[in-house]
Amino acid sequence: MSEIKRTQFSDGKPRPYSATATVNDIIFVCGQVPTRADGTTAVDIADQLNQAFDNLESALLAAHSDLSSLLKLTVYLADLDEFDDYNAAYLTRLSGHPLPPRTTVQVAGFRGEKRIEIDAVAAATA
């Protein structure tokens, strides 16, 4: 059986899950929400997307990967009426990177002001 390597969160806060799990150079990243380091959340969907991607990028770097190595994204939105704004911010954020396969779905809701969560699978690059 292949070894599974798990990384924890760099902030040291205990959580009931790992930040990432890697097996056979495939990285599974826990869902990334738009929470800033200070615990606040932006209001605008584009700002929320960018913060979620900042958090995703940090998790990938800690697991020896980056946004160019994304294999699959699942994006959860609180409101599909924001799809056009979300999609424009998504394309801007991933400009210069290969676009991974993506699924976007609407969910019933999130805690607090969050309106987006990004679930990712990536290839290890180191």
N, C-alpha and C. Protein backbone atom coordinates (compact mmCIF):
# COMPACT_ATOMS: atom_id res chain seq x y z
N MET A 1 0.84 -1.18 0.00
CA MET A 1 0.00 0.00 0.00
C MET A 1 0.89 1.24 0.00
N SER A 2 0.47 2.26 -0.71
CA SER A 2 1.21 3.51 -0.79
C SER A 2 1.11 4.27 0.53
N GLU A 3 2.18 4.98 0.85
CA GLU A 3 2.19 5.79 2.06
C GLU A 3 1.33 7.04 1.84
N ILE A 4 0.56 7.39 2.85
CA ILE A 4 -0.24 8.61 2.82
C ILE A 4 0.42 9.62 3.74
N LYS A 5 0.72 10.80 3.18
CA LYS A 5 1.32 11.87 3.97
C LYS A 5 0.25 12.94 4.19
N ARG A 6 0.10 13.37 5.42
CA ARG A 6 -0.89 14.40 5.75
C ARG A 6 -0.19 15.64 6.28
N THR A 7 -0.68 16.80 5.90
CA THR A 7 -0.16 18.04 6.47
C THR A 7 -1.24 18.67 7.33
N GLN A 8 -0.79 19.37 8.34
CA GLN A 8 -1.71 20.09 9.23
C GLN A 8 -1.67 21.57 8.86
N PHE A 9 -2.50 22.34 9.48
CA PHE A 9 -2.59 23.77 9.19
C PHE A 9 -1.43 24.52 9.82
N SER A 10 -0.90 25.50 9.09
CA SER A 10 0.26 26.24 9.56
C SER A 10 -0.05 27.15 10.75
N ASP A 11 -1.33 27.47 10.97
CA ASP A 11 -1.67 28.35 12.09
C ASP A 11 -1.69 27.62 13.43
N GLY A 12 -1.56 26.30 13.40
CA GLY A 12 -1.50 25.52 14.63
C GLY A 12 -2.83 25.30 15.33
N LYS A 13 -3.91 25.83 14.80
CA LYS A 13 -5.22 25.63 15.41
C LYS A 13 -5.67 24.19 15.17
N PRO A 14 -6.11 23.51 16.24
CA PRO A 14 -6.56 22.13 16.05
C PRO A 14 -7.88 22.08 15.26
N ARG A 15 -7.95 21.13 14.34
CA ARG A 15 -9.16 20.91 13.55
C ARG A 15 -9.40 19.41 13.47
N PRO A 16 -10.62 19.00 13.21
CA PRO A 16 -10.92 17.57 13.13
C PRO A 16 -10.63 16.98 11.75
N TYR A 17 -9.69 17.57 11.01
CA TYR A 17 -9.33 17.10 9.68
C TYR A 17 -7.95 17.64 9.33
N SER A 18 -7.31 17.04 8.34
CA SER A 18 -6.00 17.48 7.86
C SER A 18 -6.16 18.56 6.79
N ALA A 19 -5.12 19.36 6.62
CA ALA A 19 -5.13 20.37 5.57
C ALA A 19 -5.03 19.71 4.20
N THR A 20 -4.14 18.70 4.10
CA THR A 20 -3.98 17.95 2.85
C THR A 20 -3.65 16.50 3.17
N ALA A 21 -3.89 15.66 2.19
CA ALA A 21 -3.44 14.27 2.21
C ALA A 21 -2.86 13.98 0.84
N THR A 22 -1.66 13.38 0.83
CA THR A 22 -0.98 13.09 -0.43
C THR A 22 -0.71 11.60 -0.52
N VAL A 23 -1.04 11.02 -1.68
CA VAL A 23 -0.74 9.63 -1.95
C VAL A 23 -0.36 9.53 -3.43
N ASN A 24 0.71 8.82 -3.72
CA ASN A 24 1.17 8.65 -5.11
C ASN A 24 1.25 9.98 -5.87
N ASP A 25 1.78 11.00 -5.21
CA ASP A 25 1.96 12.33 -5.81
C ASP A 25 0.66 13.04 -6.18
N ILE A 26 -0.46 12.60 -5.61
CA ILE A 26 -1.74 13.28 -5.79
C ILE A 26 -2.11 13.89 -4.43
N ILE A 27 -2.42 15.18 -4.46
CA ILE A 27 -2.73 15.92 -3.23
C ILE A 27 -4.23 16.20 -3.18
N PHE A 28 -4.85 15.82 -2.08
CA PHE A 28 -6.25 16.12 -1.82
C PHE A 28 -6.26 17.23 -0.77
N VAL A 29 -6.87 18.35 -1.12
CA VAL A 29 -6.86 19.51 -0.25
C VAL A 29 -8.25 19.66 0.38
N CYS A 30 -8.27 19.94 1.69
CA CYS A 30 -9.57 20.17 2.32
C CYS A 30 -10.21 21.42 1.72
N GLY A 31 -11.51 21.53 1.84
CA GLY A 31 -12.22 22.68 1.28
C GLY A 31 -11.66 23.99 1.82
N GLN A 32 -11.44 24.93 0.90
CA GLN A 32 -10.88 26.23 1.27
C GLN A 32 -11.98 27.29 1.22
N VAL A 33 -12.14 27.97 2.34
CA VAL A 33 -13.15 29.03 2.46
C VAL A 33 -12.46 30.39 2.44
N PRO A 34 -13.22 31.46 2.30
CA PRO A 34 -12.62 32.79 2.15
C PRO A 34 -12.29 33.51 3.45
N THR A 35 -11.97 32.78 4.49
CA THR A 35 -11.65 33.40 5.77
C THR A 35 -10.20 33.90 5.76
N ARG A 36 -10.03 35.15 6.15
CA ARG A 36 -8.69 35.74 6.26
C ARG A 36 -8.03 35.26 7.55
N ALA A 37 -6.74 35.49 7.67
CA ALA A 37 -5.97 35.08 8.86
C ALA A 37 -6.55 35.69 10.14
N ASP A 38 -7.14 36.89 10.04
CA ASP A 38 -7.71 37.53 11.23
C ASP A 38 -9.14 37.08 11.54
N GLY A 39 -9.65 36.11 10.75
CA GLY A 39 -10.97 35.56 11.00
C GLY A 39 -12.11 36.27 10.29
N THR A 40 -11.81 37.34 9.57
CA THR A 40 -12.85 38.07 8.85
C THR A 40 -13.07 37.48 7.46
N THR A 41 -14.18 37.87 6.86
CA THR A 41 -14.53 37.41 5.51
C THR A 41 -14.98 38.61 4.70
N ALA A 42 -14.46 38.72 3.49
CA ALA A 42 -14.87 39.80 2.57
C ALA A 42 -16.34 39.64 2.22
N VAL A 43 -16.94 40.70 1.73
CA VAL A 43 -18.36 40.67 1.35
C VAL A 43 -18.53 40.27 -0.10
N ASP A 44 -17.75 40.85 -1.00
CA ASP A 44 -17.87 40.66 -2.44
C ASP A 44 -17.46 39.24 -2.86
N ILE A 45 -18.19 38.62 -3.77
CA ILE A 45 -17.89 37.25 -4.21
C ILE A 45 -16.51 37.16 -4.87
N ALA A 46 -16.10 38.18 -5.61
CA ALA A 46 -14.77 38.16 -6.23
C ALA A 46 -13.69 38.19 -5.16
N ASP A 47 -13.87 39.01 -4.15
CA ASP A 47 -12.89 39.06 -3.05
C ASP A 47 -12.89 37.75 -2.28
N GLN A 48 -14.07 37.15 -2.10
CA GLN A 48 -14.14 35.85 -1.42
C GLN A 48 -13.42 34.78 -2.23
N LEU A 49 -13.61 34.78 -3.54
CA LEU A 49 -12.92 33.81 -4.39
C LEU A 49 -11.41 33.98 -4.28
N ASN A 50 -10.94 35.21 -4.33
CA ASN A 50 -9.50 35.45 -4.25
C ASN A 50 -8.92 35.02 -2.91
N GLN A 51 -9.65 35.25 -1.82
CA GLN A 51 -9.16 34.81 -0.51
C GLN A 51 -9.16 33.29 -0.42
N ALA A 52 -10.19 32.64 -0.94
CA ALA A 52 -10.22 31.17 -0.94
C ALA A 52 -9.05 30.63 -1.76
N PHE A 53 -8.73 31.27 -2.89
CA PHE A 53 -7.58 30.85 -3.68
C PHE A 53 -6.26 31.14 -2.96
N ASP A 54 -6.18 32.26 -2.22
CA ASP A 54 -4.98 32.51 -1.41
C ASP A 54 -4.78 31.36 -0.42
N ASN A 55 -5.87 30.96 0.23
CA ASN A 55 -5.80 29.87 1.20
C ASN A 55 -5.45 28.55 0.52
N LEU A 56 -6.02 28.30 -0.65
CA LEU A 56 -5.72 27.10 -1.42
C LEU A 56 -4.25 27.08 -1.81
N GLU A 57 -3.76 28.20 -2.30
CA GLU A 57 -2.36 28.28 -2.72
C GLU A 57 -1.42 28.00 -1.55
N SER A 58 -1.73 28.52 -0.38
CA SER A 58 -0.91 28.26 0.81
C SER A 58 -0.89 26.77 1.15
N ALA A 59 -2.06 26.13 1.08
CA ALA A 59 -2.14 24.69 1.37
C ALA A 59 -1.35 23.89 0.35
N LEU A 60 -1.45 24.28 -0.92
CA LEU A 60 -0.70 23.57 -1.96
C LEU A 60 0.81 23.74 -1.78
N LEU A 61 1.26 24.95 -1.47
CA LEU A 61 2.69 25.18 -1.27
C LEU A 61 3.22 24.34 -0.11
N ALA A 62 2.45 24.24 0.96
CA ALA A 62 2.86 23.43 2.11
C ALA A 62 2.95 21.95 1.75
N ALA A 63 2.19 21.54 0.73
CA ALA A 63 2.19 20.14 0.29
C ALA A 63 3.07 19.94 -0.94
N HIS A 64 3.90 20.93 -1.27
CA HIS A 64 4.84 20.85 -2.40
C HIS A 64 4.13 20.84 -3.75
N SER A 65 3.24 21.81 -3.94
CA SER A 65 2.53 21.96 -5.20
C SER A 65 2.20 23.43 -5.41
N ASP A 66 1.44 23.71 -6.45
CA ASP A 66 1.02 25.09 -6.73
C ASP A 66 -0.22 25.07 -7.62
N LEU A 67 -0.72 26.26 -7.92
CA LEU A 67 -1.95 26.37 -8.71
C LEU A 67 -1.82 25.81 -10.12
N SER A 68 -0.62 25.77 -10.67
CA SER A 68 -0.42 25.22 -12.01
C SER A 68 -0.59 23.70 -12.05
N SER A 69 -0.60 23.08 -10.89
CA SER A 69 -0.70 21.62 -10.81
C SER A 69 -2.08 21.13 -10.42
N LEU A 70 -3.07 22.02 -10.45
CA LEU A 70 -4.43 21.61 -10.12
C LEU A 70 -4.94 20.58 -11.12
N LEU A 71 -5.54 19.52 -10.61
CA LEU A 71 -6.10 18.46 -11.45
C LEU A 71 -7.62 18.54 -11.53
N LYS A 72 -8.27 19.03 -10.45
CA LYS A 72 -9.74 19.06 -10.41
C LYS A 72 -10.17 20.01 -9.31
N LEU A 73 -11.16 20.82 -9.61
CA LEU A 73 -11.76 21.71 -8.61
C LEU A 73 -13.25 21.45 -8.52
N THR A 74 -13.76 21.50 -7.31
CA THR A 74 -15.20 21.55 -7.09
C THR A 74 -15.44 22.83 -6.30
N VAL A 75 -16.30 23.69 -6.83
CA VAL A 75 -16.57 24.97 -6.20
C VAL A 75 -18.03 24.99 -5.76
N TYR A 76 -18.21 25.34 -4.49
CA TYR A 76 -19.55 25.43 -3.91
C TYR A 76 -19.89 26.89 -3.74
N LEU A 77 -21.01 27.31 -4.32
CA LEU A 77 -21.48 28.68 -4.21
C LEU A 77 -22.79 28.72 -3.42
N ALA A 78 -22.96 29.74 -2.64
CA ALA A 78 -24.22 29.92 -1.92
C ALA A 78 -25.33 30.37 -2.85
N ASP A 79 -24.97 31.03 -3.95
CA ASP A 79 -25.98 31.58 -4.85
C ASP A 79 -25.48 31.54 -6.29
N LEU A 80 -26.08 30.70 -7.12
CA LEU A 80 -25.67 30.61 -8.52
C LEU A 80 -25.97 31.89 -9.31
N ASP A 81 -26.77 32.78 -8.75
CA ASP A 81 -26.98 34.08 -9.41
C ASP A 81 -25.69 34.89 -9.45
N GLU A 82 -24.69 34.51 -8.63
CA GLU A 82 -23.39 35.18 -8.63
C GLU A 82 -22.39 34.50 -9.55
N PHE A 83 -22.86 33.54 -10.35
CA PHE A 83 -21.96 32.75 -11.18
C PHE A 83 -21.10 33.61 -12.12
N ASP A 84 -21.69 34.58 -12.79
CA ASP A 84 -20.93 35.39 -13.74
C ASP A 84 -19.80 36.15 -13.06
N ASP A 85 -20.08 36.77 -11.91
CA ASP A 85 -19.04 37.49 -11.16
C ASP A 85 -17.98 36.52 -10.64
N TYR A 86 -18.42 35.39 -10.13
CA TYR A 86 -17.50 34.36 -9.65
C TYR A 86 -16.62 33.86 -10.80
N ASN A 87 -17.22 33.56 -11.94
CA ASN A 87 -16.48 33.02 -13.07
C ASN A 87 -15.45 34.01 -13.61
N ALA A 88 -15.81 35.29 -13.66
CA ALA A 88 -14.87 36.31 -14.12
C ALA A 88 -13.68 36.40 -13.16
N ALA A 89 -13.93 36.39 -11.87
CA ALA A 89 -12.84 36.43 -10.88
C ALA A 89 -12.00 35.16 -10.96
N TYR A 90 -12.63 34.04 -11.18
CA TYR A 90 -11.94 32.75 -11.32
C TYR A 90 -10.97 32.79 -12.50
N LEU A 91 -11.46 33.24 -13.65
CA LEU A 91 -10.61 33.30 -14.84
C LEU A 91 -9.45 34.27 -14.67
N THR A 92 -9.70 35.38 -14.00
CA THR A 92 -8.63 36.34 -13.72
C THR A 92 -7.59 35.73 -12.79
N ARG A 93 -8.06 35.07 -11.72
CA ARG A 93 -7.14 34.49 -10.75
C ARG A 93 -6.28 33.39 -11.35
N LEU A 94 -6.84 32.59 -12.23
CA LEU A 94 -6.09 31.49 -12.83
C LEU A 94 -5.44 31.86 -14.16
N SER A 95 -5.46 33.13 -14.52
CA SER A 95 -4.80 33.57 -15.75
C SER A 95 -3.34 33.17 -15.70
N GLY A 96 -2.88 32.54 -16.78
CA GLY A 96 -1.49 32.09 -16.84
C GLY A 96 -1.29 30.69 -16.31
N HIS A 97 -2.31 30.09 -15.73
CA HIS A 97 -2.25 28.71 -15.25
C HIS A 97 -3.15 27.84 -16.13
N PRO A 98 -2.82 26.56 -16.28
CA PRO A 98 -3.74 25.67 -16.99
C PRO A 98 -5.07 25.59 -16.22
N LEU A 99 -6.17 25.66 -16.94
CA LEU A 99 -7.47 25.57 -16.28
C LEU A 99 -7.82 24.11 -16.02
N PRO A 100 -8.05 23.76 -14.75
CA PRO A 100 -8.38 22.37 -14.42
C PRO A 100 -9.86 22.08 -14.71
N PRO A 101 -10.21 20.80 -14.81
CA PRO A 101 -11.63 20.47 -14.84
C PRO A 101 -12.29 21.05 -13.59
N ARG A 102 -13.54 21.48 -13.72
CA ARG A 102 -14.20 22.16 -12.61
C ARG A 102 -15.67 21.81 -12.58
N THR A 103 -16.18 21.66 -11.39
CA THR A 103 -17.61 21.51 -11.14
C THR A 103 -18.01 22.64 -10.21
N THR A 104 -19.11 23.31 -10.52
CA THR A 104 -19.63 24.37 -9.66
C THR A 104 -21.07 24.05 -9.33
N VAL A 105 -21.37 24.05 -8.04
CA VAL A 105 -22.73 23.75 -7.60
C VAL A 105 -23.17 24.76 -6.54
N GLN A 106 -24.46 24.91 -6.42
CA GLN A 106 -25.03 25.75 -5.37
C GLN A 106 -25.33 24.87 -4.16
N VAL A 107 -25.03 25.40 -2.97
CA VAL A 107 -25.31 24.69 -1.73
C VAL A 107 -26.29 25.51 -0.90
N ALA A 108 -26.87 24.87 0.10
CA ALA A 108 -27.89 25.53 0.91
C ALA A 108 -27.35 26.71 1.69
N GLY A 109 -26.10 26.67 2.10
CA GLY A 109 -25.56 27.80 2.86
C GLY A 109 -24.27 27.46 3.57
N PHE A 110 -23.63 28.48 4.08
CA PHE A 110 -22.39 28.37 4.81
C PHE A 110 -22.54 29.07 6.16
N ARG A 111 -21.59 28.83 7.03
CA ARG A 111 -21.57 29.55 8.31
C ARG A 111 -21.10 30.98 8.08
N GLY A 112 -21.71 31.92 8.77
CA GLY A 112 -21.28 33.31 8.69
C GLY A 112 -21.53 33.92 7.32
N GLU A 113 -20.59 34.76 6.89
CA GLU A 113 -20.73 35.50 5.64
C GLU A 113 -20.13 34.77 4.44
N LYS A 114 -19.65 33.57 4.64
CA LYS A 114 -19.01 32.84 3.54
C LYS A 114 -20.04 32.49 2.47
N ARG A 115 -19.62 32.65 1.19
CA ARG A 115 -20.50 32.32 0.08
C ARG A 115 -19.83 31.41 -0.94
N ILE A 116 -18.61 30.92 -0.60
CA ILE A 116 -17.88 30.07 -1.53
C ILE A 116 -16.96 29.14 -0.75
N GLU A 117 -16.76 27.94 -1.30
CA GLU A 117 -15.76 27.00 -0.79
C GLU A 117 -15.18 26.27 -2.00
N ILE A 118 -13.87 26.05 -1.99
CA ILE A 118 -13.19 25.41 -3.09
C ILE A 118 -12.54 24.12 -2.61
N ASP A 119 -12.88 23.03 -3.26
CA ASP A 119 -12.32 21.71 -2.98
C ASP A 119 -11.39 21.37 -4.13
N ALA A 120 -10.16 20.92 -3.83
CA ALA A 120 -9.18 20.74 -4.90
C ALA A 120 -8.42 19.43 -4.80
N VAL A 121 -8.00 18.96 -5.98
CA VAL A 121 -7.07 17.84 -6.12
C VAL A 121 -5.95 18.37 -7.02
N ALA A 122 -4.70 18.11 -6.61
CA ALA A 122 -3.56 18.61 -7.39
C ALA A 122 -2.46 17.56 -7.44
N ALA A 123 -1.54 17.74 -8.35
CA ALA A 123 -0.35 16.89 -8.44
C ALA A 123 0.76 17.52 -7.63
N ALA A 124 1.53 16.67 -6.94
CA ALA A 124 2.72 17.15 -6.25
C ALA A 124 3.76 17.53 -7.29
N THR A 125 4.49 18.62 -7.04
CA THR A 125 5.48 19.08 -8.01
C THR A 125 6.91 18.88 -7.53
N ALA A 126 7.08 18.47 -6.29
CA ALA A 126 8.46 18.26 -5.78
C ALA A 126 8.61 16.87 -5.21
